[in-house]
């Protein structure tokens, strides 16, 4: 009994270990180069900077555009060159959180997610946003294909 209590106490203490200091750092601005480093740290090795503030990253087999706007907004954007209906897009927007979908001028579906850094967010939250978009992208591709 006492031994199992010690294991439970040890497990609790391990859970109380603080998050890595860098992840608690407040991020109010991010450059394209810093965003590239974060994407690569999350396992996306194929990242290129285009036009100063734009990045192209291969995520789940497809190219995703990552726009860094005025260093205070990060926007993830996926273009899918497939046919779909507005009903499918509307259903996505009604049932999914964090991302929005729409049909572009050519009628192709687009998935977007914005991350606003104004006022500051933790680095851990910014990393989580990368993972959130990646998971949303997978779900969106399944929905369309």
Protein backbone atom coordinates (compact mmCIF):
# COMPACT_ATOMS: atom_id res chain seq x y z
CA UNK A 1 0.00 0.00 0.00
CA UNK A 2 2.71 2.43 1.02
CA UNK A 3 4.79 1.53 -2.05
CA UNK A 4 1.88 2.21 -4.45
CA UNK A 5 1.28 5.55 -2.71
CA UNK A 6 4.94 6.45 -3.33
CA UNK A 7 4.57 5.61 -7.04
CA UNK A 8 1.45 7.76 -7.30
CA UNK A 9 3.20 10.61 -5.49
CA UNK A 10 6.22 10.28 -7.77
CA UNK A 11 4.03 10.30 -10.87
CA UNK A 12 2.24 13.42 -9.59
CA UNK A 13 5.54 15.19 -8.98
CA UNK A 14 6.76 14.32 -12.47
CA UNK A 15 3.59 15.84 -13.91
CA UNK A 16 4.30 19.01 -11.98
CA UNK A 17 7.69 19.50 -13.66
CA UNK A 18 7.53 22.86 -15.42
CA UNK A 19 7.33 23.13 -19.17
CA UNK A 20 10.62 23.84 -20.93
CA UNK A 21 11.45 27.52 -20.36
CA UNK A 22 11.44 28.38 -24.08
CA UNK A 23 7.88 27.11 -24.45
CA UNK A 24 6.65 29.51 -21.74
CA UNK A 25 8.31 32.46 -23.44
CA UNK A 26 5.76 35.02 -24.64
CA UNK A 27 5.85 35.60 -28.39
CA UNK A 28 4.49 38.94 -29.62
CA UNK A 29 6.30 39.01 -32.96
CA UNK A 30 7.69 36.32 -35.22
CA UNK A 31 9.78 36.58 -38.37
CA UNK A 32 9.65 34.20 -41.30
CA UNK A 33 13.04 32.80 -40.24
CA UNK A 34 11.79 32.16 -36.69
CA UNK A 35 8.63 30.56 -38.06
CA UNK A 36 10.78 28.32 -40.27
CA UNK A 37 12.71 27.19 -37.18
CA UNK A 38 9.46 26.41 -35.32
CA UNK A 39 8.05 24.45 -38.26
CA UNK A 40 11.25 22.44 -38.54
CA UNK A 41 11.28 21.83 -34.78
CA UNK A 42 7.77 20.37 -35.16
CA UNK A 43 9.10 17.89 -37.71
CA UNK A 44 8.41 19.66 -41.00
CA UNK A 45 11.85 19.56 -42.61
CA UNK A 46 10.93 20.89 -46.06
CA UNK A 47 10.41 24.62 -45.40
CA UNK A 48 11.45 27.45 -47.71
CA UNK A 49 11.11 31.21 -47.30
CA UNK A 50 9.69 33.01 -50.34
CA UNK A 51 9.28 36.76 -50.75
CA UNK A 52 10.51 37.76 -47.33
CA UNK A 53 7.48 36.95 -45.17
CA UNK A 54 6.03 33.91 -46.95
CA UNK A 55 6.97 30.32 -46.29
CA UNK A 56 6.14 27.17 -48.18
CA UNK A 57 6.15 24.01 -46.07
CA UNK A 58 5.44 20.43 -47.08
CA UNK A 59 2.84 19.21 -44.60
CA UNK A 60 1.35 15.75 -44.90
CA UNK A 61 2.48 15.48 -48.51
CA UNK A 62 1.06 18.82 -49.70
CA UNK A 63 2.45 22.32 -49.89
CA UNK A 64 1.08 24.74 -47.32
CA UNK A 65 1.60 28.48 -47.56
CA UNK A 66 2.47 30.15 -44.25
CA UNK A 67 2.15 33.91 -44.35
CA UNK A 68 3.79 36.03 -41.66
CA UNK A 69 1.99 39.36 -41.75
CA UNK A 70 3.71 42.33 -40.08
CA UNK A 71 5.32 39.80 -37.71
CA UNK A 72 2.10 39.78 -35.64
CA UNK A 73 -0.19 37.41 -37.56
CA UNK A 74 0.63 33.96 -38.90
CA UNK A 75 -1.74 32.53 -41.47
CA UNK A 76 -1.68 28.93 -42.66
CA UNK A 77 -3.25 28.34 -46.08
CA UNK A 78 -3.80 25.12 -48.01
CA UNK A 79 -5.10 25.09 -51.59
CA UNK A 80 -6.69 21.83 -52.71
CA UNK A 81 -7.03 21.45 -56.50
CA UNK A 82 -10.08 19.18 -56.30
CA UNK A 83 -13.74 19.66 -57.05
CA UNK A 84 -16.15 19.97 -54.17
CA UNK A 85 -19.42 21.64 -53.40
CA UNK A 86 -20.27 24.67 -51.33
CA UNK A 87 -22.37 22.33 -49.17
CA UNK A 88 -19.24 20.38 -48.20
CA UNK A 89 -17.41 23.64 -47.39
CA UNK A 90 -20.35 24.95 -45.35
CA UNK A 91 -20.57 21.66 -43.44
CA UNK A 92 -16.86 21.96 -42.60
CA UNK A 93 -17.31 25.51 -41.29
CA UNK A 94 -20.37 24.53 -39.23
CA UNK A 95 -18.79 21.49 -37.59
CA UNK A 96 -15.07 22.25 -37.26
CA UNK A 97 -13.22 24.65 -35.00
CA UNK A 98 -10.06 26.73 -35.45
CA UNK A 99 -9.98 26.71 -39.28
CA UNK A 100 -12.16 28.13 -42.02
CA UNK A 101 -12.72 26.82 -45.51
CA UNK A 102 -13.92 28.51 -48.66
CA UNK A 103 -13.89 28.16 -52.42
CA UNK A 104 -11.35 30.39 -54.17
CA UNK A 105 -11.94 32.30 -57.42
CA UNK A 106 -11.33 29.11 -59.42
CA UNK A 107 -13.77 27.13 -57.29
CA UNK A 108 -11.01 25.17 -55.53
CA UNK A 109 -11.30 24.58 -51.78
CA UNK A 110 -8.97 26.45 -49.45
CA UNK A 111 -8.33 25.77 -45.76
CA UNK A 112 -7.03 28.63 -43.59
CA UNK A 113 -6.13 29.27 -39.98
CA UNK A 114 -5.00 32.56 -38.45
CA UNK A 115 -2.85 32.93 -35.34
CA UNK A 116 -2.91 36.42 -33.83
CA UNK A 117 0.19 37.27 -31.80
CA UNK A 118 -1.07 40.69 -30.74
CA UNK A 119 -0.85 40.86 -26.96
CA UNK A 120 1.42 37.82 -26.92
CA UNK A 121 1.02 34.05 -26.82
CA UNK A 122 3.37 31.40 -25.50
CA UNK A 123 5.75 29.60 -27.81
CA UNK A 124 4.01 26.39 -26.74
CA UNK A 125 0.71 27.79 -28.07
CA UNK A 126 2.34 28.74 -31.37
CA UNK A 127 3.77 25.23 -31.69
CA UNK A 128 0.33 23.84 -30.87
CA UNK A 129 -1.16 25.98 -33.66
CA UNK A 130 1.22 24.30 -36.13
CA UNK A 131 0.05 20.87 -34.96
CA UNK A 132 -3.59 21.99 -35.02
CA UNK A 133 -3.34 23.08 -38.64
CA UNK A 134 -1.57 19.85 -39.57
CA UNK A 135 -4.35 17.75 -38.00
CA UNK A 136 -7.03 19.95 -39.57
CA UNK A 137 -5.34 19.56 -42.94
CA UNK A 138 -5.51 15.77 -42.66
CA UNK A 139 -9.20 15.90 -41.74
CA UNK A 140 -9.91 18.37 -44.58
CA UNK A 141 -8.15 16.14 -47.13
CA UNK A 142 -10.19 13.13 -45.94
CA UNK A 143 -13.37 15.17 -46.22
CA UNK A 144 -12.60 16.17 -49.81
CA UNK A 145 -11.01 13.02 -51.21
